[in-house]
Amino acid sequence: MLLPEVTLIQSETDTVRVFSFNVPKELEYFKGHFPTLPVLPGVVQVHWAMHFANQQFSIDGVFSQLDNLKFHAVILPETQLELTLQWHADTSCLDFTYRNAHKKYSAGRVVFHQGMTETHAV
């Protein structure tokens, strides 16, 4: 399993989405990271934010950089989370935050570069 099952719990405007989910202990990402205390890798948190944002918003552009990335607490298996996504079309930036009622786990900004397309080697 690579993705959690998410529930859209809030869609305030065209630019904000909030999802709720439980982090499944069966995730492939927990294998070997770390054997005695599985932790959800930060790169997975960024990937999930981008994945769900691409499903919800009209993101035109490709990944350019990460800004203001902060990890406040580790995410363990079976943690209940909310993922808040806010899309800023005017600046091609995606803000994301993982939190629950008890704490903030991580937050950051993904910047997309407009006018570029992905190229693939043939």
PDB file of N, CA and C in Angstrom:
ATOM      1  N   MET A   1       0.838  -1.169   0.000  1.00  0.00           N
ATOM      2  CA  MET A   1       0.000   0.000   0.000  1.00  0.00           C
ATOM      3  C   MET A   1       0.890   1.242   0.000  1.00  0.00           C
ATOM      4  N   LEU A   2       0.578   2.192  -0.901  1.00  0.00           N
ATOM      5  CA  LEU A   2       1.386   3.402  -1.037  1.00  0.00           C
ATOM      6  C   LEU A   2       0.661   4.678  -0.629  1.00  0.00           C
ATOM      7  N   LEU A   3      -0.675   4.641  -0.628  1.00  0.00           N
ATOM      8  CA  LEU A   3      -1.463   5.830  -0.288  1.00  0.00           C
ATOM      9  C   LEU A   3      -2.497   5.487   0.773  1.00  0.00           C
ATOM     10  N   PRO A   4      -2.765   6.427   1.662  1.00  0.00           N
ATOM     11  CA  PRO A   4      -3.855   6.209   2.608  1.00  0.00           C
ATOM     12  C   PRO A   4      -5.194   6.459   1.932  1.00  0.00           C
ATOM     13  N   GLU A   5      -6.246   5.921   2.515  1.00  0.00           N
ATOM     14  CA  GLU A   5      -7.591   6.246   2.053  1.00  0.00           C
ATOM     15  C   GLU A   5      -7.986   7.542   2.735  1.00  0.00           C
ATOM     16  N   VAL A   6      -8.219   8.573   1.928  1.00  0.00           N
ATOM     17  CA  VAL A   6      -8.531   9.890   2.485  1.00  0.00           C
ATOM     18  C   VAL A   6     -10.006  10.207   2.297  1.00  0.00           C
ATOM     19  N   THR A   7     -10.500  11.052   3.184  1.00  0.00           N
ATOM     20  CA  THR A   7     -11.858  11.562   3.087  1.00  0.00           C
ATOM     21  C   THR A   7     -11.770  13.075   3.014  1.00  0.00           C
ATOM     22  N   LEU A   8     -12.382  13.645   1.988  1.00  0.00           N
ATOM     23  CA  LEU A   8     -12.436  15.099   1.868  1.00  0.00           C
ATOM     24  C   LEU A   8     -13.437  15.600   2.894  1.00  0.00           C
ATOM     25  N   ILE A   9     -12.958  16.388   3.870  1.00  0.00           N
ATOM     26  CA  ILE A   9     -13.854  16.855   4.921  1.00  0.00           C
ATOM     27  C   ILE A   9     -14.175  18.339   4.816  1.00  0.00           C
ATOM     28  N   GLN A  10     -13.397  19.047   3.991  1.00  0.00           N
ATOM     29  CA  GLN A  10     -13.646  20.483   3.862  1.00  0.00           C
ATOM     30  C   GLN A  10     -13.157  20.964   2.513  1.00  0.00           C
ATOM     31  N   SER A  11     -13.994  21.740   1.868  1.00  0.00           N
ATOM     32  CA  SER A  11     -13.650  22.346   0.594  1.00  0.00           C
ATOM     33  C   SER A  11     -14.175  23.779   0.649  1.00  0.00           C
ATOM     34  N   GLU A  12     -13.441  24.645   1.339  1.00  0.00           N
ATOM     35  CA  GLU A  12     -13.905  26.005   1.612  1.00  0.00           C
ATOM     36  C   GLU A  12     -14.111  26.835   0.348  1.00  0.00           C
ATOM     37  N   THR A  13     -13.129  26.803  -0.508  1.00  0.00           N
ATOM     38  CA  THR A  13     -13.170  27.598  -1.730  1.00  0.00           C
ATOM     39  C   THR A  13     -12.572  26.757  -2.845  1.00  0.00           C
ATOM     40  N   ASP A  14     -12.320  27.387  -3.965  1.00  0.00           N
ATOM     41  CA  ASP A  14     -11.649  26.691  -5.060  1.00  0.00           C
ATOM     42  C   ASP A  14     -10.184  26.422  -4.738  1.00  0.00           C
ATOM     43  N   THR A  15      -9.684  26.991  -3.653  1.00  0.00           N
ATOM     44  CA  THR A  15      -8.245  26.908  -3.379  1.00  0.00           C
ATOM     45  C   THR A  15      -7.863  26.141  -2.120  1.00  0.00           C
ATOM     46  N   VAL A  16      -8.823  25.709  -1.305  1.00  0.00           N
ATOM     47  CA  VAL A  16      -8.502  25.019  -0.050  1.00  0.00           C
ATOM     48  C   VAL A  16      -9.238  23.689   0.027  1.00  0.00           C
ATOM     49  N   ARG A  17      -8.488  22.638   0.401  1.00  0.00           N
ATOM     50  CA  ARG A  17      -9.064  21.317   0.638  1.00  0.00           C
ATOM     51  C   ARG A  17      -8.472  20.781   1.933  1.00  0.00           C
ATOM     52  N   VAL A  18      -9.309  20.085   2.712  1.00  0.00           N
ATOM     53  CA  VAL A  18      -8.849  19.435   3.932  1.00  0.00           C
ATOM     54  C   VAL A  18      -9.286  17.973   3.874  1.00  0.00           C
ATOM     55  N   PHE A  19      -8.330  17.085   4.070  1.00  0.00           N
ATOM     56  CA  PHE A  19      -8.573  15.648   4.050  1.00  0.00           C
ATOM     57  C   PHE A  19      -8.323  15.067   5.430  1.00  0.00           C
ATOM     58  N   SER A  20      -9.048  14.025   5.764  1.00  0.00           N
ATOM     59  CA  SER A  20      -8.835  13.294   7.001  1.00  0.00           C
ATOM     60  C   SER A  20      -8.458  11.864   6.636  1.00  0.00           C
ATOM     61  N   PHE A  21      -7.515  11.291   7.394  1.00  0.00           N
ATOM     62  CA  PHE A  21      -7.129   9.906   7.160  1.00  0.00           C
ATOM     63  C   PHE A  21      -6.328   9.353   8.326  1.00  0.00           C
ATOM     64  N   ASN A  22      -6.282   8.044   8.368  1.00  0.00           N
ATOM     65  CA  ASN A  22      -5.459   7.320   9.321  1.00  0.00           C
ATOM     66  C   ASN A  22      -4.256   6.780   8.544  1.00  0.00           C
ATOM     67  N   VAL A  23      -3.071   6.894   9.101  1.00  0.00           N
ATOM     68  CA  VAL A  23      -1.867   6.415   8.438  1.00  0.00           C
ATOM     69  C   VAL A  23      -1.797   4.898   8.629  1.00  0.00           C
ATOM     70  N   PRO A  24      -2.009   4.124   7.566  1.00  0.00           N
ATOM     71  CA  PRO A  24      -2.044   2.663   7.707  1.00  0.00           C
ATOM     72  C   PRO A  24      -0.677   2.093   8.073  1.00  0.00           C
ATOM     73  N   LYS A  25      -0.674   1.134   8.989  1.00  0.00           N
ATOM     74  CA  LYS A  25       0.587   0.510   9.380  1.00  0.00           C
ATOM     75  C   LYS A  25       1.137  -0.391   8.279  1.00  0.00           C
ATOM     76  N   GLU A  26       0.313  -0.705   7.272  1.00  0.00           N
ATOM     77  CA  GLU A  26       0.736  -1.583   6.173  1.00  0.00           C
ATOM     78  C   GLU A  26       1.467  -0.842   5.052  1.00  0.00           C
ATOM     79  N   LEU A  27       1.705   0.439   5.195  1.00  0.00           N
ATOM     80  CA  LEU A  27       2.365   1.207   4.138  1.00  0.00           C
ATOM     81  C   LEU A  27       3.746   0.638   3.814  1.00  0.00           C
ATOM     82  N   GLU A  28       4.037   0.569   2.546  1.00  0.00           N
ATOM     83  CA  GLU A  28       5.361   0.105   2.093  1.00  0.00           C
ATOM     84  C   GLU A  28       6.475   1.003   2.634  1.00  0.00           C
ATOM     85  N   TYR A  29       6.165   2.276   2.836  1.00  0.00           N
ATOM     86  CA  TYR A  29       7.180   3.241   3.261  1.00  0.00           C
ATOM     87  C   TYR A  29       7.708   2.980   4.662  1.00  0.00           C
ATOM     88  N   PHE A  30       6.972   2.223   5.472  1.00  0.00           N
ATOM     89  CA  PHE A  30       7.427   1.923   6.821  1.00  0.00           C
ATOM     90  C   PHE A  30       8.467   0.805   6.843  1.00  0.00           C
ATOM     91  N   LYS A  31       8.513   0.003   5.797  1.00  0.00           N
ATOM     92  CA  LYS A  31       9.455  -1.120   5.763  1.00  0.00           C
ATOM     93  C   LYS A  31      10.884  -0.594   5.715  1.00  0.00           C
ATOM     94  N   GLY A  32      11.640  -0.882   6.780  1.00  0.00           N
ATOM     95  CA  GLY A  32      13.037  -0.481   6.828  1.00  0.00           C
ATOM     96  C   GLY A  32      13.260   0.963   7.236  1.00  0.00           C
ATOM     97  N   HIS A  33      12.211   1.671   7.604  1.00  0.00           N
ATOM     98  CA  HIS A  33      12.359   3.100   7.949  1.00  0.00           C
ATOM     99  C   HIS A  33      11.626   3.404   9.250  1.00  0.00           C
ATOM    100  N   PHE A  34      11.962   3.028  10.298  1.00  0.00           N
ATOM    101  CA  PHE A  34      13.091   2.286  10.848  1.00  0.00           C
ATOM    102  C   PHE A  34      12.562   0.994  11.470  1.00  0.00           C
ATOM    103  N   PRO A  35      13.346  -0.066  11.527  1.00  0.00           N
ATOM    104  CA  PRO A  35      12.834  -1.368  11.961  1.00  0.00           C
ATOM    105  C   PRO A  35      12.208  -1.377  13.364  1.00  0.00           C
ATOM    106  N   THR A  36      12.789  -0.662  14.317  1.00  0.00           N
ATOM    107  CA  THR A  36      12.247  -0.693  15.679  1.00  0.00           C
ATOM    108  C   THR A  36      11.215   0.398  15.944  1.00  0.00           C
ATOM    109  N   LEU A  37      11.176   1.417  15.128  1.00  0.00           N
ATOM    110  CA  LEU A  37      10.212   2.504  15.284  1.00  0.00           C
ATOM    111  C   LEU A  37       9.891   3.074  13.905  1.00  0.00           C
ATOM    112  N   PRO A  38       8.881   2.515  13.214  1.00  0.00           N
ATOM    113  CA  PRO A  38       8.547   2.989  11.867  1.00  0.00           C
ATOM    114  C   PRO A  38       8.122   4.461  11.875  1.00  0.00           C
ATOM    115  N   VAL A  39       8.691   5.215  10.943  1.00  0.00           N
ATOM    116  CA  VAL A  39       8.416   6.647  10.807  1.00  0.00           C
ATOM    117  C   VAL A  39       8.077   6.927   9.344  1.00  0.00           C
ATOM    118  N   LEU A  40       7.051   7.744   9.116  1.00  0.00           N
ATOM    119  CA  LEU A  40       6.687   8.123   7.746  1.00  0.00           C
ATOM    120  C   LEU A  40       7.717   9.116   7.219  1.00  0.00           C
ATOM    121  N   PRO A  41       8.451   8.767   6.161  1.00  0.00           N
ATOM    122  CA  PRO A  41       9.482   9.665   5.635  1.00  0.00           C
ATOM    123  C   PRO A  41       8.920  11.006   5.164  1.00  0.00           C
ATOM    124  N   GLY A  42       9.694  12.048   5.332  1.00  0.00           N
ATOM    125  CA  GLY A  42       9.292  13.382   4.910  1.00  0.00           C
ATOM    126  C   GLY A  42       9.015  13.469   3.423  1.00  0.00           C
ATOM    127  N   VAL A  43       9.807  12.777   2.620  1.00  0.00           N
ATOM    128  CA  VAL A  43       9.600  12.824   1.173  1.00  0.00           C
ATOM    129  C   VAL A  43       8.240  12.247   0.802  1.00  0.00           C
ATOM    130  N   VAL A  44       7.748  11.296   1.576  1.00  0.00           N
ATOM    131  CA  VAL A  44       6.416  10.726   1.332  1.00  0.00           C
ATOM    132  C   VAL A  44       5.340  11.757   1.656  1.00  0.00           C
ATOM    133  N   GLN A  45       5.544  12.515   2.713  1.00  0.00           N
ATOM    134  CA  GLN A  45       4.581  13.550   3.083  1.00  0.00           C
ATOM    135  C   GLN A  45       4.454  14.592   1.967  1.00  0.00           C
ATOM    136  N   VAL A  46       5.571  14.976   1.389  1.00  0.00           N
ATOM    137  CA  VAL A  46       5.557  15.933   0.272  1.00  0.00           C
ATOM    138  C   VAL A  46       4.876  15.295  -0.936  1.00  0.00           C
ATOM    139  N   HIS A  47       5.226  14.048  -1.216  1.00  0.00           N
ATOM    140  CA  HIS A  47       4.627  13.336  -2.350  1.00  0.00           C
ATOM    141  C   HIS A  47       3.111  13.256  -2.209  1.00  0.00           C
ATOM    142  N   TRP A  48       2.618  12.900  -1.021  1.00  0.00           N
ATOM    143  CA  TRP A  48       1.167  12.811  -0.810  1.00  0.00           C
ATOM    144  C   TRP A  48       0.509  14.166  -1.013  1.00  0.00           C
ATOM    145  N   ALA A  49       1.111  15.216  -0.506  1.00  0.00           N
ATOM    146  CA  ALA A  49       0.540  16.556  -0.686  1.00  0.00           C
ATOM    147  C   ALA A  49       0.409  16.882  -2.171  1.00  0.00           C
ATOM    148  N   MET A  50       1.458  16.606  -2.935  1.00  0.00           N
ATOM    149  CA  MET A  50       1.419  16.878  -4.375  1.00  0.00           C
ATOM    150  C   MET A  50       0.407  15.971  -5.078  1.00  0.00           C
ATOM    151  N   HIS A  51       0.351  14.720  -4.697  1.00  0.00           N
ATOM    152  CA  HIS A  51      -0.570  13.768  -5.310  1.00  0.00           C
ATOM    153  C   HIS A  51      -2.025  14.223  -5.144  1.00  0.00           C
ATOM    154  N   PHE A  52      -2.411  14.515  -3.909  1.00  0.00           N
ATOM    155  CA  PHE A  52      -3.800  14.905  -3.663  1.00  0.00           C
ATOM    156  C   PHE A  52      -4.105  16.293  -4.221  1.00  0.00           C
ATOM    157  N   ALA A  53      -3.126  17.181  -4.245  1.00  0.00           N
ATOM    158  CA  ALA A  53      -3.320  18.503  -4.850  1.00  0.00           C
ATOM    159  C   ALA A  53      -3.567  18.377  -6.351  1.00  0.00           C
ATOM    160  N   ASN A  54      -2.826  17.497  -7.007  1.00  0.00           N
ATOM    161  CA  ASN A  54      -3.023  17.306  -8.446  1.00  0.00           C
ATOM    162  C   ASN A  54      -4.416  16.766  -8.759  1.00  0.00           C
ATOM    163  N   GLN A  55      -5.008  16.037  -7.828  1.00  0.00           N
ATOM    164  CA  GLN A  55      -6.372  15.535  -8.026  1.00  0.00           C
ATOM    165  C   GLN A  55      -7.424  16.628  -7.828  1.00  0.00           C
ATOM    166  N   GLN A  56      -7.102  17.646  -7.046  1.00  0.00           N
ATOM    167  CA  GLN A  56      -8.089  18.641  -6.637  1.00  0.00           C
ATOM    168  C   GLN A  56      -8.015  19.977  -7.373  1.00  0.00           C
ATOM    169  N   PHE A  57      -6.816  20.343  -7.800  1.00  0.00           N
ATOM    170  CA  PHE A  57      -6.607  21.678  -8.369  1.00  0.00           C
ATOM    171  C   PHE A  57      -6.066  21.588  -9.791  1.00  0.00           C
ATOM    172  N   SER A  58      -6.227  22.658 -10.534  1.00  0.00           N
ATOM    173  CA  SER A  58      -5.677  22.739 -11.893  1.00  0.00           C
ATOM    174  C   SER A  58      -4.245  23.253 -11.802  1.00  0.00           C
ATOM    175  N   ILE A  59      -3.335  22.352 -11.510  1.00  0.00           N
ATOM    176  CA  ILE A  59      -1.928  22.728 -11.365  1.00  0.00           C
ATOM    177  C   ILE A  59      -1.257  22.596 -12.722  1.00  0.00           C
ATOM    178  N   ASP A  60      -0.812  23.721 -13.228  1.00  0.00           N
ATOM    179  CA  ASP A  60      -0.133  23.761 -14.514  1.00  0.00           C
ATOM    180  C   ASP A  60       1.325  24.116 -14.244  1.00  0.00           C
ATOM    181  N   GLY A  61       2.204  23.200 -14.509  1.00  0.00           N
ATOM    182  CA  GLY A  61       3.620  23.425 -14.249  1.00  0.00           C
ATOM    183  C   GLY A  61       4.231  22.186 -13.641  1.00  0.00           C
ATOM    184  N   VAL A  62       5.530  22.248 -13.415  1.00  0.00           N
ATOM    185  CA  VAL A  62       6.256  21.125 -12.843  1.00  0.00           C
ATOM    186  C   VAL A  62       6.935  21.569 -11.554  1.00  0.00           C
ATOM    187  N   PHE A  63       7.247  20.599 -10.741  1.00  0.00           N
ATOM    188  CA  PHE A  63       7.919  20.866  -9.475  1.00  0.00           C
ATOM    189  C   PHE A  63       9.173  21.704  -9.719  1.00  0.00           C
ATOM    190  N   SER A  64       9.332  22.739  -8.902  1.00  0.00           N
ATOM    191  CA  SER A  64      10.502  23.596  -8.997  1.00  0.00           C
ATOM    192  C   SER A  64      11.327  23.561  -7.716  1.00  0.00           C
ATOM    193  N   GLN A  65      10.659  23.746  -6.566  1.00  0.00           N
ATOM    194  CA  GLN A  65      11.400  23.761  -5.306  1.00  0.00           C
ATOM    195  C   GLN A  65      10.460  23.599  -4.123  1.00  0.00           C
ATOM    196  N   LEU A  66      11.064  23.303  -2.957  1.00  0.00           N
ATOM    197  CA  LEU A  66      10.358  23.257  -1.685  1.00  0.00           C
ATOM    198  C   LEU A  66      10.786  24.451  -0.861  1.00  0.00           C
ATOM    199  N   ASP A  67       9.833  25.119  -0.236  1.00  0.00           N
ATOM    200  CA  ASP A  67      10.117  26.256   0.639  1.00  0.00           C
ATOM    201  C   ASP A  67       9.500  25.996   2.003  1.00  0.00           C
ATOM    202  N   ASN A  68      10.113  26.575   3.019  1.00  0.00           N
ATOM    203  CA  ASN A  68       9.560  26.571   4.382  1.00  0.00           C
ATOM    204  C   ASN A  68       9.174  25.183   4.885  1.00  0.00           C
ATOM    205  N   LEU A  69       9.926  24.174   4.504  1.00  0.00           N
ATOM    206  CA  LEU A  69       9.617  22.811   4.922  1.00  0.00           C
ATOM    207  C   LEU A  69      10.051  22.613   6.370  1.00  0.00           C
ATOM    208  N   LYS A  70       9.093  22.244   7.215  1.00  0.00           N
ATOM    209  CA  LYS A  70       9.352  22.056   8.642  1.00  0.00           C
ATOM    210  C   LYS A  70       8.709  20.746   9.095  1.00  0.00           C
ATOM    211  N   PHE A  71       9.489  19.956   9.826  1.00  0.00           N
ATOM    212  CA  PHE A  71       8.982  18.736  10.431  1.00  0.00           C
ATOM    213  C   PHE A  71       8.968  18.955  11.937  1.00  0.00           C
ATOM    214  N   HIS A  72       7.774  19.018  12.508  1.00  0.00           N
ATOM    215  CA  HIS A  72       7.610  19.323  13.923  1.00  0.00           C
ATOM    216  C   HIS A  72       7.548  18.071  14.791  1.00  0.00           C
ATOM    217  N   ALA A  73       7.040  16.980  14.248  1.00  0.00           N
ATOM    218  CA  ALA A  73       6.909  15.726  14.991  1.00  0.00           C
ATOM    219  C   ALA A  73       6.895  14.576  13.992  1.00  0.00           C
ATOM    220  N   VAL A  74       7.343  13.409  14.425  1.00  0.00           N
ATOM    221  CA  VAL A  74       7.343  12.242  13.536  1.00  0.00           C
ATOM    222  C   VAL A  74       5.924  11.692  13.425  1.00  0.00           C
ATOM    223  N   ILE A  75       5.635  11.143  12.263  1.00  0.00           N
ATOM    224  CA  ILE A  75       4.336  10.515  12.018  1.00  0.00           C
ATOM    225  C   ILE A  75       4.543   9.012  12.088  1.00  0.00           C
ATOM    226  N   LEU A  76       3.840   8.395  13.013  1.00  0.00           N
ATOM    227  CA  LEU A  76       3.933   6.960  13.248  1.00  0.00           C
ATOM    228  C   LEU A  76       2.744   6.251  12.621  1.00  0.00           C
ATOM    229  N   PRO A  77       2.835   4.917  12.460  1.00  0.00           N
ATOM    230  CA  PRO A  77       1.683   4.156  11.968  1.00  0.00           C
ATOM    231  C   PRO A  77       0.468   4.369  12.858  1.00  0.00           C
ATOM    232  N   GLU A  78      -0.701   4.366  12.233  1.00  0.00           N
ATOM    233  CA  GLU A  78      -1.993   4.499  12.900  1.00  0.00           C
ATOM    234  C   GLU A  78      -2.242   5.890  13.479  1.00  0.00           C
ATOM    235  N   THR A  79      -1.497   6.898  13.029  1.00  0.00           N
ATOM    236  CA  THR A  79      -1.751   8.276  13.447  1.00  0.00           C
ATOM    237  C   THR A  79      -2.924   8.823  12.637  1.00  0.00           C
ATOM    238  N   GLN A  80      -3.869   9.436  13.313  1.00  0.00           N
ATOM    239  CA  GLN A  80      -4.989  10.097  12.644  1.00  0.00           C
ATOM    240  C   GLN A  80      -4.532  11.508  12.260  1.00  0.00           C
ATOM    241  N   LEU A  81      -4.693  11.878  10.993  1.00  0.00           N
ATOM    242  CA  LEU A  81      -4.207  13.159  10.496  1.00  0.00           C
ATOM    243  C   LEU A  81      -5.256  13.894   9.691  1.00  0.00           C
ATOM    244  N   GLU A  82      -5.030  15.196   9.585  1.00  0.00           N
ATOM    245  CA  GLU A  82      -5.703  16.032   8.603  1.00  0.00           C
ATOM    246  C   GLU A  82      -4.615  16.643   7.731  1.00  0.00           C
ATOM    247  N   LEU A  83      -4.842  16.613   6.437  1.00  0.00           N
ATOM    248  CA  LEU A  83      -3.949  17.247   5.470  1.00  0.00           C
ATOM    249  C   LEU A  83      -4.695  18.432   4.892  1.00  0.00           C
ATOM    250  N   THR A  84      -4.152  19.630   5.112  1.00  0.00           N
ATOM    251  CA  THR A  84      -4.736  20.841   4.539  1.00  0.00           C
ATOM    252  C   THR A  84      -3.880  21.271   3.364  1.00  0.00           C
ATOM    253  N   LEU A  85      -4.532  21.483   2.235  1.00  0.00           N
ATOM    254  CA  LEU A  85      -3.871  21.948   1.020  1.00  0.00           C
ATOM    255  C   LEU A  85      -4.448  23.297   0.632  1.00  0.00           C
ATOM    256  N   GLN A  86      -3.577  24.238   0.311  1.00  0.00           N
ATOM    257  CA  GLN A  86      -4.041  25.530  -0.196  1.00  0.00           C
ATOM    258  C   GLN A  86      -3.248  25.855  -1.451  1.00  0.00           C
ATOM    259  N   TRP A  87      -3.979  26.002  -2.557  1.00  0.00           N
ATOM    260  CA  TRP A  87      -3.375  26.276  -3.858  1.00  0.00           C
ATOM    261  C   TRP A  87      -3.433  27.771  -4.153  1.00  0.00           C
ATOM    262  N   HIS A  88      -2.273  28.334  -4.489  1.00  0.00           N
ATOM    263  CA  HIS A  88      -2.161  29.750  -4.861  1.00  0.00           C
ATOM    264  C   HIS A  88      -1.835  29.799  -6.359  1.00  0.00           C
ATOM    265  N   ALA A  89      -2.852  29.888  -7.175  1.00  0.00           N
ATOM    266  CA  ALA A  89      -2.662  29.850  -8.625  1.00  0.00           C
ATOM    267  C   ALA A  89      -1.830  31.024  -9.121  1.00  0.00           C
ATOM    268  N   ASP A  90      -1.970  32.185  -8.486  1.00  0.00           N
ATOM    269  CA  ASP A  90      -1.250  33.376  -8.938  1.00  0.00           C
ATOM    270  C   ASP A  90       0.268  33.245  -8.782  1.00  0.00           C
ATOM    271  N   THR A  91       0.714  32.437  -7.819  1.00  0.00           N
ATOM    272  CA  THR A  91       2.156  32.252  -7.608  1.00  0.00           C
ATOM    273  C   THR A  91       2.598  30.818  -7.887  1.00  0.00           C
ATOM    274  N   SER A  92       1.670  29.961  -8.293  1.00  0.00           N
ATOM    275  CA  SER A  92       1.939  28.541  -8.560  1.00  0.00           C
ATOM    276  C   SER A  92       2.582  27.852  -7.358  1.00  0.00           C
ATOM    277  N   CYS A  93       2.013  28.114  -6.179  1.00  0.00           N
ATOM    278  CA  CYS A  93       2.521  27.532  -4.939  1.00  0.00           C
ATOM    279  C   CYS A  93       1.428  26.723  -4.244  1.00  0.00           C
ATOM    280  N   LEU A  94       1.840  25.632  -3.632  1.00  0.00           N
ATOM    281  CA  LEU A  94       0.952  24.789  -2.859  1.00  0.00           C
ATOM    282  C   LEU A  94       1.448  24.753  -1.420  1.00  0.00           C
ATOM    283  N   ASP A  95       0.632  25.244  -0.497  1.00  0.00           N
ATOM    284  CA  ASP A  95       0.936  25.133   0.925  1.00  0.00           C
ATOM    285  C   ASP A  95       0.268  23.878   1.453  1.00  0.00           C
ATOM    286  N   PHE A  96       0.997  23.134   2.310  1.00  0.00           N
ATOM    287  CA  PHE A  96       0.410  21.948   2.911  1.00  0.00           C
ATOM    288  C   PHE A  96       0.768  21.873   4.389  1.00  0.00           C
ATOM    289  N   THR A  97      -0.148  21.288   5.158  1.00  0.00           N
ATOM    290  CA  THR A  97       0.060  21.089   6.587  1.00  0.00           C
ATOM    291  C   THR A  97      -0.548  19.757   6.991  1.00  0.00           C
ATOM    292  N   TYR A  98       0.224  18.974   7.743  1.00  0.00           N
ATOM    293  CA  TYR A  98      -0.270  17.748   8.366  1.00  0.00           C
ATOM    294  C   TYR A  98      -0.413  18.025   9.848  1.00  0.00           C
ATOM    295  N   ARG A  99      -1.624  17.787  10.383  1.00  0.00           N
ATOM    296  CA  ARG A  99      -1.874  18.031  11.803  1.00  0.00           C
ATOM    297  C   ARG A  99      -3.029  17.157  12.267  1.00  0.00           C
ATOM    298  N   ASN A 100      -3.227  17.154  13.569  1.00  0.00           N
ATOM    299  CA  ASN A 100      -4.442  16.602  14.140  1.00  0.00           C
ATOM    300  C   ASN A 100      -4.815  17.468  15.330  1.00  0.00           C
ATOM    301  N   ALA A 101      -5.754  17.030  16.129  1.00  0.00           N
ATOM    302  CA  ALA A 101      -6.225  17.851  17.247  1.00  0.00           C
ATOM    303  C   ALA A 101      -5.143  18.067  18.302  1.00  0.00           C
ATOM    304  N   HIS A 102      -4.120  17.218  18.296  1.00  0.00           N
ATOM    305  CA  HIS A 102      -3.093  17.274  19.335  1.00  0.00           C
ATOM    306  C   HIS A 102      -1.843  18.031  18.943  1.00  0.00           C
ATOM    307  N   LYS A 103      -1.468  17.975  17.662  1.00  0.00           N
ATOM    308  CA  LYS A 103      -0.222  18.629  17.255  1.00  0.00           C
ATOM    309  C   LYS A 103      -0.123  18.838  15.755  1.00  0.00           C
ATOM    310  N   LYS A 104       0.818  19.680  15.405  1.00  0.00           N
ATOM    311  CA  LYS A 104       1.187  19.910  14.009  1.00  0.00           C
ATOM    312  C   LYS A 104       2.396  19.020  13.730  1.00  0.00           C
ATOM    313  N   TYR A 105       2.331  18.252  12.651  1.00  0.00           N
ATOM    314  CA  TYR A 105       3.397  17.315  12.324  1.00  0.00           C
ATOM    315  C   TYR A 105       4.381  17.880  11.307  1.00  0.00           C
ATOM    316  N   SER A 106       3.866  18.500  10.262  1.00  0.00           N
ATOM    317  CA  SER A 106       4.757  19.056   9.248  1.00  0.00           C
ATOM    318  C   SER A 106       4.004  20.067   8.399  1.00  0.00           C
ATOM    319  N   ALA A 107       4.773  20.895   7.711  1.00  0.00           N
ATOM    320  CA  ALA A 107       4.190  21.897   6.822  1.00  0.00           C
ATOM    321  C   ALA A 107       5.254  22.332   5.832  1.00  0.00           C
ATOM    322  N   GLY A 108       4.805  22.850   4.717  1.00  0.00           N
ATOM    323  CA  GLY A 108       5.738  23.348   3.722  1.00  0.00           C
ATOM    324  C   GLY A 108       5.019  23.939   2.536  1.00  0.00           C
ATOM    325  N   ARG A 109       5.815  24.321   1.576  1.00  0.00           N
ATOM    326  CA  ARG A 109       5.303  24.926   0.344  1.00  0.00           C
ATOM    327  C   ARG A 109       6.026  24.292  -0.836  1.00  0.00           C
ATOM    328  N   VAL A 110       5.238  23.860  -1.814  1.00  0.00           N
ATOM    329  CA  VAL A 110       5.780  23.342  -3.068  1.00  0.00           C
ATOM    330  C   VAL A 110       5.585  24.412  -4.116  1.00  0.00           C
ATOM    331  N   VAL A 111       6.664  24.768  -4.789  1.00  0.00           N
ATOM    332  CA  VAL A 111       6.620  25.784  -5.839  1.00  0.00           C
ATOM    333  C   VAL A 111       6.696  25.075  -7.188  1.00  0.00           C
ATOM    334  N   PHE A 112       5.807  25.465  -8.076  1.00  0.00           N
ATOM    335  CA  PHE A 112       5.776  24.913  -9.429  1.00  0.00           C
ATOM    336  C   PHE A 112       6.254  25.972 -10.404  1.00  0.00           C
ATOM    337  N   HIS A 113       6.953  25.541 -11.438  1.00  0.00           N
ATOM    338  CA  HIS A 113       7.433  26.453 -12.469  1.00  0.00           C
ATOM    339  C   HIS A 113       6.482  26.391 -13.640  1.00  0.00           C
ATOM    340  N   GLN A 114       5.947  27.534 -14.026  1.00  0.00           N
ATOM    341  CA  GLN A 114       5.007  27.618 -15.135  1.00  0.00           C
ATOM    342  C   GLN A 114       5.735  27.554 -16.473  1.00  0.00           C
ATOM    343  N   GLY A 115       5.036  27.053 -17.445  1.00  0.00           N
ATOM    344  CA  GLY A 115       5.551  27.065 -18.814  1.00  0.00           C
ATOM    345  C   GLY A 115       6.513  25.937 -19.123  1.00  0.00           C
ATOM    346  N   MET A 116       6.798  25.094 -18.153  1.00  0.00           N
ATOM    347  CA  MET A 116       7.685  23.970 -18.399  1.00  0.00           C
ATOM    348  C   MET A 116       6.853  22.722 -18.530  1.00  0.00           C
ATOM    349  N   THR A 117       7.341  21.805 -19.286  1.00  0.00           N
ATOM    350  CA  THR A 117       6.687  20.510 -19.371  1.00  0.00           C
ATOM    351  C   THR A 117       7.722  19.445 -19.054  1.00  0.00           C
ATOM    352  N   GLU A 118       7.247  18.328 -18.574  1.00  0.00           N
ATOM    353  CA  GLU A 118       8.165  17.238 -18.273  1.00  0.00           C
ATOM    354  C   GLU A 118       8.668  16.651 -19.579  1.00  0.00           C
ATOM    355  N   THR A 119       9.922  16.250 -19.582  1.00  0.00           N
ATOM    356  CA  THR A 119      10.479  15.582 -20.746  1.00  0.00           C
ATOM    357  C   THR A 119      10.899  14.183 -20.319  1.00  0.00           C
ATOM    358  N   HIS A 120      10.739  13.256 -21.200  1.00  0.00           N
ATOM    359  CA  HIS A 120      11.082  11.882 -20.916  1.00  0.00           C
ATOM    360  C   HIS A 120      12.045  11.383 -21.991  1.00  0.00           C
ATOM    361  N   ALA A 121      13.069  10.675 -21.563  1.00  0.00           N
ATOM    362  CA  ALA A 121      14.023  10.105 -22.521  1.00  0.00           C
ATOM    363  C   ALA A 121      13.322   9.005 -23.316  1.00  0.00           C
ATOM    364  N   VAL A 122      13.655   8.931 -24.585  1.00  0.00           N
ATOM    365  CA  VAL A 122      13.059   7.915 -25.452  1.00  0.00           C
ATOM    366  C   VAL A 122      14.034   6.813 -25.691  1.00  0.00           C
TER     367      VAL A 122
END
